[in-house]
Amino acid sequence: EDAPRPSSMTLYELFRTVALRCCAAASDVERDRLMMALNAAVTHGGWASSDEFRKVQQRRTQAEERIRTFPRDAPREGGRTGMMECLQELETRLAAGIGREAPSRRSSA
């Protein structure tokens, strides 16, 4: 149905969404902001496992490479609104020092 709201996503889900949609950023300022958040998340710690941490490191490196090689005159990727909402939530959680889980998980009831 609808995509989950960023506030209900885990830190890893937010990180993953932002990293995968990195080329949807509309400006150099947005790309810089995105990379600062991804770098902060990598160093933040608190990942569920060493495997999750390895994935985070790989996704950050892949995002950096995609941004670096994305042609400036190419059409921007879709999904900017969702990516920016996830970026905002990621930045908020990192600033607040919140762990990897969302503040409140959606119930399945």
PDB file of N, CA and C in Angstrom:
ATOM      1  N   GLU A   1       0.845  -1.178   0.000  1.00  0.00           N
ATOM      2  CA  GLU A   1       0.000   0.000   0.000  1.00  0.00           C
ATOM      3  C   GLU A   1       0.886   1.235   0.000  1.00  0.00           C
ATOM      4  N   ASP A   2       0.788   2.084   1.014  1.00  0.00           N
ATOM      5  CA  ASP A   2       1.627   3.270   1.112  1.00  0.00           C
ATOM      6  C   ASP A   2       2.965   2.921   1.741  1.00  0.00           C
ATOM      7  N   ALA A   3       3.963   3.710   1.411  1.00  0.00           N
ATOM      8  CA  ALA A   3       5.279   3.537   2.034  1.00  0.00           C
ATOM      9  C   ALA A   3       5.169   3.929   3.506  1.00  0.00           C
ATOM     10  N   PRO A   4       5.966   3.310   4.358  1.00  0.00           N
ATOM     11  CA  PRO A   4       5.916   3.674   5.781  1.00  0.00           C
ATOM     12  C   PRO A   4       6.362   5.114   5.990  1.00  0.00           C
ATOM     13  N   ARG A   5       5.804   5.759   6.986  1.00  0.00           N
ATOM     14  CA  ARG A   5       6.201   7.119   7.328  1.00  0.00           C
ATOM     15  C   ARG A   5       7.618   7.071   7.902  1.00  0.00           C
ATOM     16  N   PRO A   6       8.428   8.062   7.582  1.00  0.00           N
ATOM     17  CA  PRO A   6       9.796   8.069   8.111  1.00  0.00           C
ATOM     18  C   PRO A   6       9.849   7.940   9.639  1.00  0.00           C
ATOM     19  N   SER A   7       8.885   8.490  10.336  1.00  0.00           N
ATOM     20  CA  SER A   7       8.902   8.424  11.798  1.00  0.00           C
ATOM     21  C   SER A   7       8.714   7.005  12.324  1.00  0.00           C
ATOM     22  N   SER A   8       8.209   6.103  11.487  1.00  0.00           N
ATOM     23  CA  SER A   8       8.008   4.720  11.924  1.00  0.00           C
ATOM     24  C   SER A   8       9.112   3.780  11.434  1.00  0.00           C
ATOM     25  N   MET A   9      10.107   4.320  10.744  1.00  0.00           N
ATOM     26  CA  MET A   9      11.186   3.514  10.190  1.00  0.00           C
ATOM     27  C   MET A   9      12.343   3.418  11.187  1.00  0.00           C
ATOM     28  N   THR A  10      13.086   2.314  11.122  1.00  0.00           N
ATOM     29  CA  THR A  10      14.294   2.195  11.940  1.00  0.00           C
ATOM     30  C   THR A  10      15.375   3.097  11.353  1.00  0.00           C
ATOM     31  N   LEU A  11      16.409   3.330  12.124  1.00  0.00           N
ATOM     32  CA  LEU A  11      17.528   4.143  11.656  1.00  0.00           C
ATOM     33  C   LEU A  11      18.139   3.518  10.401  1.00  0.00           C
ATOM     34  N   TYR A  12      18.267   2.188  10.395  1.00  0.00           N
ATOM     35  CA  TYR A  12      18.823   1.513   9.220  1.00  0.00           C
ATOM     36  C   TYR A  12      17.930   1.726   7.996  1.00  0.00           C
ATOM     37  N   GLU A  13      16.614   1.620   8.164  1.00  0.00           N
ATOM     38  CA  GLU A  13      15.692   1.825   7.033  1.00  0.00           C
ATOM     39  C   GLU A  13      15.801   3.250   6.490  1.00  0.00           C
ATOM     40  N   LEU A  14      15.924   4.212   7.379  1.00  0.00           N
ATOM     41  CA  LEU A  14      16.094   5.604   6.944  1.00  0.00           C
ATOM     42  C   LEU A  14      17.402   5.753   6.173  1.00  0.00           C
ATOM     43  N   PHE A  15      18.473   5.228   6.737  1.00  0.00           N
ATOM     44  CA  PHE A  15      19.786   5.300   6.104  1.00  0.00           C
ATOM     45  C   PHE A  15      19.734   4.685   4.710  1.00  0.00           C
ATOM     46  N   ARG A  16      19.163   3.496   4.628  1.00  0.00           N
ATOM     47  CA  ARG A  16      19.080   2.767   3.360  1.00  0.00           C
ATOM     48  C   ARG A  16      18.307   3.561   2.314  1.00  0.00           C
ATOM     49  N   THR A  17      17.173   4.129   2.701  1.00  0.00           N
ATOM     50  CA  THR A  17      16.346   4.906   1.771  1.00  0.00           C
ATOM     51  C   THR A  17      17.098   6.120   1.252  1.00  0.00           C
ATOM     52  N   VAL A  18      17.747   6.844   2.142  1.00  0.00           N
ATOM     53  CA  VAL A  18      18.501   8.038   1.747  1.00  0.00           C
ATOM     54  C   VAL A  18      19.657   7.644   0.821  1.00  0.00           C
ATOM     55  N   ALA A  19      20.375   6.595   1.169  1.00  0.00           N
ATOM     56  CA  ALA A  19      21.513   6.163   0.353  1.00  0.00           C
ATOM     57  C   ALA A  19      21.070   5.706  -1.037  1.00  0.00           C
ATOM     58  N   LEU A  20      19.970   4.963  -1.100  1.00  0.00           N
ATOM     59  CA  LEU A  20      19.503   4.454  -2.396  1.00  0.00           C
ATOM     60  C   LEU A  20      18.950   5.554  -3.295  1.00  0.00           C
ATOM     61  N   ARG A  21      18.422   6.614  -2.711  1.00  0.00           N
ATOM     62  CA  ARG A  21      17.820   7.701  -3.480  1.00  0.00           C
ATOM     63  C   ARG A  21      18.727   8.923  -3.558  1.00  0.00           C
ATOM     64  N   CYS A  22      20.027   8.736  -3.361  1.00  0.00           N
ATOM     65  CA  CYS A  22      20.962   9.859  -3.295  1.00  0.00           C
ATOM     66  C   CYS A  22      20.948  10.736  -4.545  1.00  0.00           C
ATOM     67  N   CYS A  23      20.709  10.162  -5.701  1.00  0.00           N
ATOM     68  CA  CYS A  23      20.729  10.940  -6.945  1.00  0.00           C
ATOM     69  C   CYS A  23      19.417  11.679  -7.192  1.00  0.00           C
ATOM     70  N   ALA A  24      18.498  11.617  -6.245  1.00  0.00           N
ATOM     71  CA  ALA A  24      17.279  12.412  -6.333  1.00  0.00           C
ATOM     72  C   ALA A  24      17.491  13.806  -5.751  1.00  0.00           C
ATOM     73  N   ALA A  25      18.619  14.022  -5.082  1.00  0.00           N
ATOM     74  CA  ALA A  25      18.930  15.339  -4.524  1.00  0.00           C
ATOM     75  C   ALA A  25      18.994  16.356  -5.656  1.00  0.00           C
ATOM     76  N   ALA A  26      18.421  17.529  -5.417  1.00  0.00           N
ATOM     77  CA  ALA A  26      18.266  18.516  -6.480  1.00  0.00           C
ATOM     78  C   ALA A  26      19.427  19.503  -6.601  1.00  0.00           C
ATOM     79  N   SER A  27      20.293  19.562  -5.604  1.00  0.00           N
ATOM     80  CA  SER A  27      21.362  20.555  -5.641  1.00  0.00           C
ATOM     81  C   SER A  27      22.602  20.033  -4.922  1.00  0.00           C
ATOM     82  N   ASP A  28      23.694  20.770  -5.110  1.00  0.00           N
ATOM     83  CA  ASP A  28      24.923  20.415  -4.398  1.00  0.00           C
ATOM     84  C   ASP A  28      24.724  20.537  -2.893  1.00  0.00           C
ATOM     85  N   VAL A  29      23.945  21.511  -2.463  1.00  0.00           N
ATOM     86  CA  VAL A  29      23.674  21.693  -1.036  1.00  0.00           C
ATOM     87  C   VAL A  29      22.953  20.463  -0.478  1.00  0.00           C
ATOM     88  N   GLU A  30      21.950  19.966  -1.198  1.00  0.00           N
ATOM     89  CA  GLU A  30      21.236  18.759  -0.766  1.00  0.00           C
ATOM     90  C   GLU A  30      22.155  17.549  -0.761  1.00  0.00           C
ATOM     91  N   ARG A  31      23.001  17.413  -1.772  1.00  0.00           N
ATOM     92  CA  ARG A  31      23.928  16.284  -1.830  1.00  0.00           C
ATOM     93  C   ARG A  31      24.936  16.348  -0.677  1.00  0.00           C
ATOM     94  N   ASP A  32      25.426  17.543  -0.372  1.00  0.00           N
ATOM     95  CA  ASP A  32      26.349  17.694   0.761  1.00  0.00           C
ATOM     96  C   ASP A  32      25.653  17.339   2.069  1.00  0.00           C
ATOM     97  N   ARG A  33      24.434  17.820   2.237  1.00  0.00           N
ATOM     98  CA  ARG A  33      23.652  17.517   3.443  1.00  0.00           C
ATOM     99  C   ARG A  33      23.438  16.014   3.576  1.00  0.00           C
ATOM    100  N   LEU A  34      23.107  15.372   2.476  1.00  0.00           N
ATOM    101  CA  LEU A  34      22.874  13.935   2.443  1.00  0.00           C
ATOM    102  C   LEU A  34      24.131  13.179   2.852  1.00  0.00           C
ATOM    103  N   MET A  35      25.277  13.541   2.285  1.00  0.00           N
ATOM    104  CA  MET A  35      26.519  12.844   2.608  1.00  0.00           C
ATOM    105  C   MET A  35      26.947  13.101   4.055  1.00  0.00           C
ATOM    106  N   MET A  36      26.699  14.305   4.570  1.00  0.00           N
ATOM    107  CA  MET A  36      27.026  14.577   5.976  1.00  0.00           C
ATOM    108  C   MET A  36      26.197  13.685   6.892  1.00  0.00           C
ATOM    109  N   ALA A  37      24.922  13.495   6.560  1.00  0.00           N
ATOM    110  CA  ALA A  37      24.059  12.633   7.378  1.00  0.00           C
ATOM    111  C   ALA A  37      24.499  11.171   7.280  1.00  0.00           C
ATOM    112  N   LEU A  38      24.831  10.706   6.073  1.00  0.00           N
ATOM    113  CA  LEU A  38      25.282   9.325   5.921  1.00  0.00           C
ATOM    114  C   LEU A  38      26.596   9.094   6.673  1.00  0.00           C
ATOM    115  N   ASN A  39      27.521  10.052   6.587  1.00  0.00           N
ATOM    116  CA  ASN A  39      28.791   9.926   7.311  1.00  0.00           C
ATOM    117  C   ASN A  39      28.556   9.904   8.819  1.00  0.00           C
ATOM    118  N   ALA A  40      27.671  10.770   9.299  1.00  0.00           N
ATOM    119  CA  ALA A  40      27.369  10.809  10.735  1.00  0.00           C
ATOM    120  C   ALA A  40      26.745   9.492  11.185  1.00  0.00           C
ATOM    121  N   ALA A  41      25.878   8.928  10.349  1.00  0.00           N
ATOM    122  CA  ALA A  41      25.225   7.663  10.710  1.00  0.00           C
ATOM    123  C   ALA A  41      26.237   6.522  10.789  1.00  0.00           C
ATOM    124  N   VAL A  42      27.206   6.512   9.889  1.00  0.00           N
ATOM    125  CA  VAL A  42      28.223   5.454   9.908  1.00  0.00           C
ATOM    126  C   VAL A  42      29.015   5.519  11.209  1.00  0.00           C
ATOM    127  N   THR A  43      29.379   6.717  11.633  1.00  0.00           N
ATOM    128  CA  THR A  43      30.199   6.858  12.832  1.00  0.00           C
ATOM    129  C   THR A  43      29.380   6.857  14.123  1.00  0.00           C
ATOM    130  N   HIS A  44      28.069   6.967  14.008  1.00  0.00           N
ATOM    131  CA  HIS A  44      27.175   7.058  15.171  1.00  0.00           C
ATOM    132  C   HIS A  44      27.207   5.824  16.048  1.00  0.00           C
ATOM    133  N   GLY A  45      27.379   4.667  15.428  1.00  0.00           N
ATOM    134  CA  GLY A  45      27.391   3.419  16.194  1.00  0.00           C
ATOM    135  C   GLY A  45      25.981   2.969  16.536  1.00  0.00           C
ATOM    136  N   GLY A  46      25.896   1.955  17.340  1.00  0.00           N
ATOM    137  CA  GLY A  46      24.592   1.465  17.755  1.00  0.00           C
ATOM    138  C   GLY A  46      23.886   0.595  16.730  1.00  0.00           C
ATOM    139  N   TRP A  47      24.599   0.087  15.765  1.00  0.00           N
ATOM    140  CA  TRP A  47      23.971  -0.772  14.767  1.00  0.00           C
ATOM    141  C   TRP A  47      23.690  -2.134  15.390  1.00  0.00           C
ATOM    142  N   ALA A  48      22.674  -2.814  14.893  1.00  0.00           N
ATOM    143  CA  ALA A  48      22.203  -4.070  15.488  1.00  0.00           C
ATOM    144  C   ALA A  48      23.265  -5.171  15.457  1.00  0.00           C
ATOM    145  N   SER A  49      24.082  -5.168  14.424  1.00  0.00           N
ATOM    146  CA  SER A  49      25.071  -6.235  14.282  1.00  0.00           C
ATOM    147  C   SER A  49      26.238  -5.735  13.446  1.00  0.00           C
ATOM    148  N   SER A  50      27.299  -6.517  13.435  1.00  0.00           N
ATOM    149  CA  SER A  50      28.442  -6.158  12.599  1.00  0.00           C
ATOM    150  C   SER A  50      28.062  -6.254  11.112  1.00  0.00           C
ATOM    151  N   ASP A  51      27.138  -7.157  10.785  1.00  0.00           N
ATOM    152  CA  ASP A  51      26.663  -7.275   9.403  1.00  0.00           C
ATOM    153  C   ASP A  51      25.913  -6.013   8.983  1.00  0.00           C
ATOM    154  N   GLU A  52      25.077  -5.489   9.870  1.00  0.00           N
ATOM    155  CA  GLU A  52      24.339  -4.266   9.566  1.00  0.00           C
ATOM    156  C   GLU A  52      25.321  -3.100   9.408  1.00  0.00           C
ATOM    157  N   PHE A  53      26.327  -3.027  10.264  1.00  0.00           N
ATOM    158  CA  PHE A  53      27.333  -1.975  10.167  1.00  0.00           C
ATOM    159  C   PHE A  53      28.089  -2.070   8.839  1.00  0.00           C
ATOM    160  N   ARG A  54      28.427  -3.287   8.423  1.00  0.00           N
ATOM    161  CA  ARG A  54      29.119  -3.483   7.141  1.00  0.00           C
ATOM    162  C   ARG A  54      28.246  -2.995   5.984  1.00  0.00           C
ATOM    163  N   LYS A  55      26.957  -3.298   6.040  1.00  0.00           N
ATOM    164  CA  LYS A  55      26.029  -2.842   5.000  1.00  0.00           C
ATOM    165  C   LYS A  55      25.951  -1.319   4.964  1.00  0.00           C
ATOM    166  N   VAL A  56      25.925  -0.704   6.135  1.00  0.00           N
ATOM    167  CA  VAL A  56      25.870   0.755   6.226  1.00  0.00           C
ATOM    168  C   VAL A  56      27.114   1.361   5.579  1.00  0.00           C
ATOM    169  N   GLN A  57      28.278   0.812   5.895  1.00  0.00           N
ATOM    170  CA  GLN A  57      29.517   1.311   5.302  1.00  0.00           C
ATOM    171  C   GLN A  57      29.497   1.166   3.779  1.00  0.00           C
ATOM    172  N   GLN A  58      29.032   0.008   3.284  1.00  0.00           N
ATOM    173  CA  GLN A  58      28.976  -0.226   1.840  1.00  0.00           C
ATOM    174  C   GLN A  58      28.001   0.728   1.160  1.00  0.00           C
ATOM    175  N   ARG A  59      26.843   0.923   1.748  1.00  0.00           N
ATOM    176  CA  ARG A  59      25.842   1.824   1.149  1.00  0.00           C
ATOM    177  C   ARG A  59      26.331   3.268   1.120  1.00  0.00           C
ATOM    178  N   ARG A  60      27.063   3.684   2.158  1.00  0.00           N
ATOM    179  CA  ARG A  60      27.610   5.038   2.163  1.00  0.00           C
ATOM    180  C   ARG A  60      28.629   5.205   1.034  1.00  0.00           C
ATOM    181  N   THR A  61      29.500   4.225   0.878  1.00  0.00           N
ATOM    182  CA  THR A  61      30.497   4.267  -0.188  1.00  0.00           C
ATOM    183  C   THR A  61      29.826   4.259  -1.558  1.00  0.00           C
ATOM    184  N   GLN A  62      28.807   3.428  -1.736  1.00  0.00           N
ATOM    185  CA  GLN A  62      28.082   3.378  -3.005  1.00  0.00           C
ATOM    186  C   GLN A  62      27.384   4.698  -3.300  1.00  0.00           C
ATOM    187  N   ALA A  63      26.782   5.304  -2.286  1.00  0.00           N
ATOM    188  CA  ALA A  63      26.106   6.589  -2.476  1.00  0.00           C
ATOM    189  C   ALA A  63      27.108   7.666  -2.894  1.00  0.00           C
ATOM    190  N   GLU A  64      28.251   7.685  -2.225  1.00  0.00           N
ATOM    191  CA  GLU A  64      29.292   8.655  -2.565  1.00  0.00           C
ATOM    192  C   GLU A  64      29.740   8.483  -4.013  1.00  0.00           C
ATOM    193  N   GLU A  65      29.934   7.254  -4.439  1.00  0.00           N
ATOM    194  CA  GLU A  65      30.350   6.969  -5.817  1.00  0.00           C
ATOM    195  C   GLU A  65      29.259   7.363  -6.817  1.00  0.00           C
ATOM    196  N   ARG A  66      28.013   7.042  -6.495  1.00  0.00           N
ATOM    197  CA  ARG A  66      26.911   7.405  -7.398  1.00  0.00           C
ATOM    198  C   ARG A  66      26.795   8.916  -7.552  1.00  0.00           C
ATOM    199  N   ILE A  67      26.918   9.650  -6.451  1.00  0.00           N
ATOM    200  CA  ILE A  67      26.848  11.114  -6.516  1.00  0.00           C
ATOM    201  C   ILE A  67      28.021  11.657  -7.317  1.00  0.00           C
ATOM    202  N   ARG A  68      29.192  11.114  -7.084  1.00  0.00           N
ATOM    203  CA  ARG A  68      30.403  11.591  -7.773  1.00  0.00           C
ATOM    204  C   ARG A  68      30.334  11.381  -9.276  1.00  0.00           C
ATOM    205  N   THR A  69      29.756  10.259  -9.704  1.00  0.00           N
ATOM    206  CA  THR A  69      29.737   9.926 -11.132  1.00  0.00           C
ATOM    207  C   THR A  69      28.435  10.280 -11.838  1.00  0.00           C
ATOM    208  N   PHE A  70      27.432  10.777 -11.093  1.00  0.00           N
ATOM    209  CA  PHE A  70      26.146  11.118 -11.702  1.00  0.00           C
ATOM    210  C   PHE A  70      26.334  12.373 -12.563  1.00  0.00           C
ATOM    211  N   PRO A  71      26.036  12.279 -13.865  1.00  0.00           N
ATOM    212  CA  PRO A  71      26.223  13.440 -14.751  1.00  0.00           C
ATOM    213  C   PRO A  71      25.377  14.627 -14.290  1.00  0.00           C
ATOM    214  N   ARG A  72      25.993  15.796 -14.201  1.00  0.00           N
ATOM    215  CA  ARG A  72      25.302  17.005 -13.724  1.00  0.00           C
ATOM    216  C   ARG A  72      24.121  17.384 -14.615  1.00  0.00           C
ATOM    217  N   ASP A  73      24.200  17.061 -15.908  1.00  0.00           N
ATOM    218  CA  ASP A  73      23.116  17.434 -16.817  1.00  0.00           C
ATOM    219  C   ASP A  73      22.073  16.325 -16.982  1.00  0.00           C
ATOM    220  N   ALA A  74      22.242  15.219 -16.281  1.00  0.00           N
ATOM    221  CA  ALA A  74      21.280  14.115 -16.368  1.00  0.00           C
ATOM    222  C   ALA A  74      20.016  14.469 -15.585  1.00  0.00           C
ATOM    223  N   PRO A  75      18.871  13.931 -16.023  1.00  0.00           N
ATOM    224  CA  PRO A  75      17.653  14.158 -15.238  1.00  0.00           C
ATOM    225  C   PRO A  75      17.810  13.574 -13.839  1.00  0.00           C
ATOM    226  N   ARG A  76      17.293  14.283 -12.879  1.00  0.00           N
ATOM    227  CA  ARG A  76      17.363  13.837 -11.489  1.00  0.00           C
ATOM    228  C   ARG A  76      16.498  12.590 -11.323  1.00  0.00           C
ATOM    229  N   GLU A  77      16.950  11.656 -10.471  1.00  0.00           N
ATOM    230  CA  GLU A  77      16.161  10.466 -10.165  1.00  0.00           C
ATOM    231  C   GLU A  77      14.880  10.866  -9.450  1.00  0.00           C
ATOM    232  N   GLY A  78      13.873  10.008  -9.522  1.00  0.00           N
ATOM    233  CA  GLY A  78      12.627  10.249  -8.815  1.00  0.00           C
ATOM    234  C   GLY A  78      12.748   9.925  -7.342  1.00  0.00           C
ATOM    235  N   GLY A  79      11.725  10.263  -6.600  1.00  0.00           N
ATOM    236  CA  GLY A  79      11.684   9.925  -5.187  1.00  0.00           C
ATOM    237  C   GLY A  79      12.282  10.965  -4.267  1.00  0.00           C
ATOM    238  N   ARG A  80      12.449  12.215  -4.763  1.00  0.00           N
ATOM    239  CA  ARG A  80      13.092  13.246  -3.951  1.00  0.00           C
ATOM    240  C   ARG A  80      12.291  13.555  -2.682  1.00  0.00           C
ATOM    241  N   THR A  81      10.981  13.682  -2.777  1.00  0.00           N
ATOM    242  CA  THR A  81      10.176  14.050  -1.609  1.00  0.00           C
ATOM    243  C   THR A  81      10.341  13.036  -0.486  1.00  0.00           C
ATOM    244  N   GLY A  82      10.200  11.761  -0.796  1.00  0.00           N
ATOM    245  CA  GLY A  82      10.368  10.713   0.206  1.00  0.00           C
ATOM    246  C   GLY A  82      11.776  10.670   0.757  1.00  0.00           C
ATOM    247  N   MET A  83      12.765  10.850  -0.122  1.00  0.00           N
ATOM    248  CA  MET A  83      14.157  10.840   0.318  1.00  0.00           C
ATOM    249  C   MET A  83      14.422  11.998   1.269  1.00  0.00           C
ATOM    250  N   MET A  84      13.893  13.177   0.959  1.00  0.00           N
ATOM    251  CA  MET A  84      14.117  14.346   1.805  1.00  0.00           C
ATOM    252  C   MET A  84      13.419  14.192   3.162  1.00  0.00           C
ATOM    253  N   GLU A  85      12.244  13.559   3.175  1.00  0.00           N
ATOM    254  CA  GLU A  85      11.564  13.293   4.449  1.00  0.00           C
ATOM    255  C   GLU A  85      12.386  12.331   5.296  1.00  0.00           C
ATOM    256  N   CYS A  86      12.930  11.302   4.666  1.00  0.00           N
ATOM    257  CA  CYS A  86      13.775  10.343   5.384  1.00  0.00           C
ATOM    258  C   CYS A  86      15.070  10.999   5.841  1.00  0.00           C
ATOM    259  N   LEU A  87      15.644  11.872   5.020  1.00  0.00           N
ATOM    260  CA  LEU A  87      16.864  12.582   5.391  1.00  0.00           C
ATOM    261  C   LEU A  87      16.609  13.448   6.623  1.00  0.00           C
ATOM    262  N   GLN A  88      15.490  14.153   6.639  1.00  0.00           N
ATOM    263  CA  GLN A  88      15.152  15.000   7.783  1.00  0.00           C
ATOM    264  C   GLN A  88      15.012  14.166   9.060  1.00  0.00           C
ATOM    265  N   GLU A  89      14.324  13.025   8.955  1.00  0.00           N
ATOM    266  CA  GLU A  89      14.152  12.153  10.123  1.00  0.00           C
ATOM    267  C   GLU A  89      15.490  11.570  10.566  1.00  0.00           C
ATOM    268  N   LEU A  90      16.334  11.183   9.624  1.00  0.00           N
ATOM    269  CA  LEU A  90      17.659  10.655   9.947  1.00  0.00           C
ATOM    270  C   LEU A  90      18.483  11.704  10.688  1.00  0.00           C
ATOM    271  N   GLU A  91      18.484  12.927  10.181  1.00  0.00           N
ATOM    272  CA  GLU A  91      19.227  14.007  10.834  1.00  0.00           C
ATOM    273  C   GLU A  91      18.694  14.281  12.236  1.00  0.00           C
ATOM    274  N   THR A  92      17.380  14.272  12.381  1.00  0.00           N
ATOM    275  CA  THR A  92      16.753  14.518  13.679  1.00  0.00           C
ATOM    276  C   THR A  92      17.163  13.466  14.691  1.00  0.00           C
ATOM    277  N   ARG A  93      17.099  12.203  14.290  1.00  0.00           N
ATOM    278  CA  ARG A  93      17.467  11.115  15.207  1.00  0.00           C
ATOM    279  C   ARG A  93      18.939  11.135  15.562  1.00  0.00           C
ATOM    280  N   LEU A  94      19.785  11.411  14.583  1.00  0.00           N
ATOM    281  CA  LEU A  94      21.218  11.469  14.866  1.00  0.00           C
ATOM    282  C   LEU A  94      21.530  12.616  15.821  1.00  0.00           C
ATOM    283  N   ALA A  95      20.875  13.755  15.628  1.00  0.00           N
ATOM    284  CA  ALA A  95      21.088  14.911  16.508  1.00  0.00           C
ATOM    285  C   ALA A  95      20.610  14.621  17.928  1.00  0.00           C
ATOM    286  N   ALA A  96      19.527  13.840  18.030  1.00  0.00           N
ATOM    287  CA  ALA A  96      18.958  13.526  19.343  1.00  0.00           C
ATOM    288  C   ALA A  96      19.646  12.330  19.996  1.00  0.00           C
ATOM    289  N   GLY A  97      20.496  11.634  19.243  1.00  0.00           N
ATOM    290  CA  GLY A  97      21.185  10.473  19.787  1.00  0.00           C
ATOM    291  C   GLY A  97      20.289   9.265  19.955  1.00  0.00           C
ATOM    292  N   ILE A  98      19.198   9.213  19.178  1.00  0.00           N
ATOM    293  CA  ILE A  98      18.271   8.090  19.266  1.00  0.00           C
ATOM    294  C   ILE A  98      18.892   6.883  18.588  1.00  0.00           C
ATOM    295  N   GLY A  99      18.689   5.714  19.178  1.00  0.00           N
ATOM    296  CA  GLY A  99      19.235   4.465  18.658  1.00  0.00           C
ATOM    297  C   GLY A  99      18.618   4.035  17.350  1.00  0.00           C
ATOM    298  N   ARG A 100      18.876   2.822  16.998  1.00  0.00           N
ATOM    299  CA  ARG A 100      18.502   2.324  15.674  1.00  0.00           C
ATOM    300  C   ARG A 100      17.016   2.089  15.494  1.00  0.00           C
ATOM    301  N   GLU A 101      16.276   1.940  16.559  1.00  0.00           N
ATOM    302  CA  GLU A 101      14.836   1.691  16.426  1.00  0.00           C
ATOM    303  C   GLU A 101      14.068   2.997  16.358  1.00  0.00           C
ATOM    304  N   ALA A 102      12.951   2.965  15.670  1.00  0.00           N
ATOM    305  CA  ALA A 102      12.081   4.121  15.590  1.00  0.00           C
ATOM    306  C   ALA A 102      11.521   4.412  16.976  1.00  0.00           C
ATOM    307  N   PRO A 103      11.196   5.674  17.272  1.00  0.00           N
ATOM    308  CA  PRO A 103      10.644   6.002  18.581  1.00  0.00           C
ATOM    309  C   PRO A 103       9.382   5.212  18.906  1.00  0.00           C
ATOM    310  N   SER A 104       8.550   4.977  17.909  1.00  0.00           N
ATOM    311  CA  SER A 104       7.360   4.144  18.138  1.00  0.00           C
ATOM    312  C   SER A 104       7.105   3.345  16.879  1.00  0.00           C
ATOM    313  N   ARG A 105       7.012   2.060  17.036  1.00  0.00           N
ATOM    314  CA  ARG A 105       6.790   1.161  15.899  1.00  0.00           C
ATOM    315  C   ARG A 105       5.314   1.053  15.601  1.00  0.00           C
ATOM    316  N   ARG A 106       5.013   0.894  14.312  1.00  0.00           N
ATOM    317  CA  ARG A 106       3.617   0.669  13.917  1.00  0.00           C
ATOM    318  C   ARG A 106       3.127  -0.648  14.478  1.00  0.00           C
ATOM    319  N   SER A 107       1.903  -0.670  14.935  1.00  0.00           N
ATOM    320  CA  SER A 107       1.344  -1.940  15.425  1.00  0.00           C
ATOM    321  C   SER A 107       0.713  -2.664  14.258  1.00  0.00           C
ATOM    322  N   SER A 108       0.658  -3.971  14.350  1.00  0.00           N
ATOM    323  CA  SER A 108       0.079  -4.772  13.270  1.00  0.00           C
ATOM    324  C   SER A 108      -1.383  -5.036  13.521  1.00  0.00           C
ATOM    325  N   ALA A 109      -1.947  -4.449  14.555  1.00  0.00           N
ATOM    326  CA  ALA A 109      -3.357  -4.670  14.893  1.00  0.00           C
ATOM    327  C   ALA A 109      -4.262  -3.831  14.048  1.00  0.00           C
TER     328      ALA A 109
END
